[in-house]
Amino acid sequence: MRWDGKGRAHTMGNVKLKDIADALQVSTVTVSNALAGKKGVSDEVRETVLRTARSMGYNLSKYEKVKDSTKIGVLAPDKYMGVGSSFYWALYQQVIYAASKSRSLTMLEILDEENEEANRFPRMVQESMIDGLIVIGWVKQDYIRKLVKKSDKLPILLLDSRIRDIPCDAVLSHNYIGMYKMTRYLLERGHTGIAFAGSIRDNDNIMDRYFGYRKALLEAGIPVRKEWRLEDRNLLTGEVRVGLPGQMPTAFACSSDLAAGRLYDALAEKGYRMPEDISIVGYDDYLFGHPFAGQLTTYHVDMEEMAEYAVKLLLGKIRGEEKKCMTWYADGRIVERESVKTLGLI
């Protein structure tokens, strides 16, 4: 048993942040920031807080991990990680930045198709090289289920994907709401013939975007035309390509900017002009090295916010501050450029 500066007794192991704050007559936020080594706390205050915490018997183990540079593993499927040209490579860079601000180190391991099919788990997991794991992009559900089961107490977070009934956190963009907004954007500019370019069986993100598109059309009293739901990729190879329908719409809502770029190429090859003949909107605001990028109206996915929250959630699990698993959605915004022609109000 130990006593604080006000003559109150505390049992070893039962000391809380508030007890330390009361003893020093500071806020619990100040105590938490001092123990975690965050900015905004002077060295003198930090040392006083640490000394008081130790003397009162506070358990500092969860903060020791952070001070010793928490090691965050990042697992990403090979098919998503085209350096420079990949949305997921850009997202990974944001994870690195967010982790560095939290004094954490990151370790990247690429998952190829052979290891994914064979359920061979990452070396950094098998050799206990990391304190937590972020999985970027879509990996087979069976692989993730077995990985979570094998990893036992290792915190795992899914970034830009979600698998139901698996006990791990997930951080995604607002796929459903985002594509609903983009379709409404087209409707408000007079377009009633709107096709959707996206392979909905590839992953839940595209599926959710498709249903956001459907909701906007149904609200406007416009029937969904089966022939205007277009595949945007080869489900076996992952190659992104968009075929054109027999009867052309006035606008396309694309499930990604990459698909929008491929669609633009296909339309231009047929002699169509954008937006004079055909309007196009995208999703994610990341079209690397394509001349259409500066013209494309799209839904901006806030990669920075997604990465920061993913790192925050994972560090909370590593420190033992949060037990429940949660799914968190990052808001985005419409970025208006010049790829949509206004036909008139509906």
Foldseek 3Di string as FASTA:
>chain_A
DAAACVGDADDAPRDDLVNLCVSVVHDSVLLVCLLLVAPPHDPVSSVVSVVRCVRNNHDSVLSVCLVVAAEEEEEEEPLQCPDQQHPQNVLVVLLQVLSVNSSHHYHYDYDYPVCLVVLPDDPCQVVVVGQAYEYEDDGDPVSVQVVCVVSPLHAYEYEQADDPPRFHAYEHAQLLQFLLVVLVVQQQLPFLFEAEEADCVLGVSRVSSVVSNVVNNVVVVRDDDPQRHWYQADSVSRHGATDAGPDHGQEYEYAAVCSVLRVVVVCVVVPDDFNVRHFYEHEALRGGPGPCSQAHKYKHDPSNVSSNVRSVVSSCSSSVVDDGYYYHHDYIGIDHGHRHHRPDGD
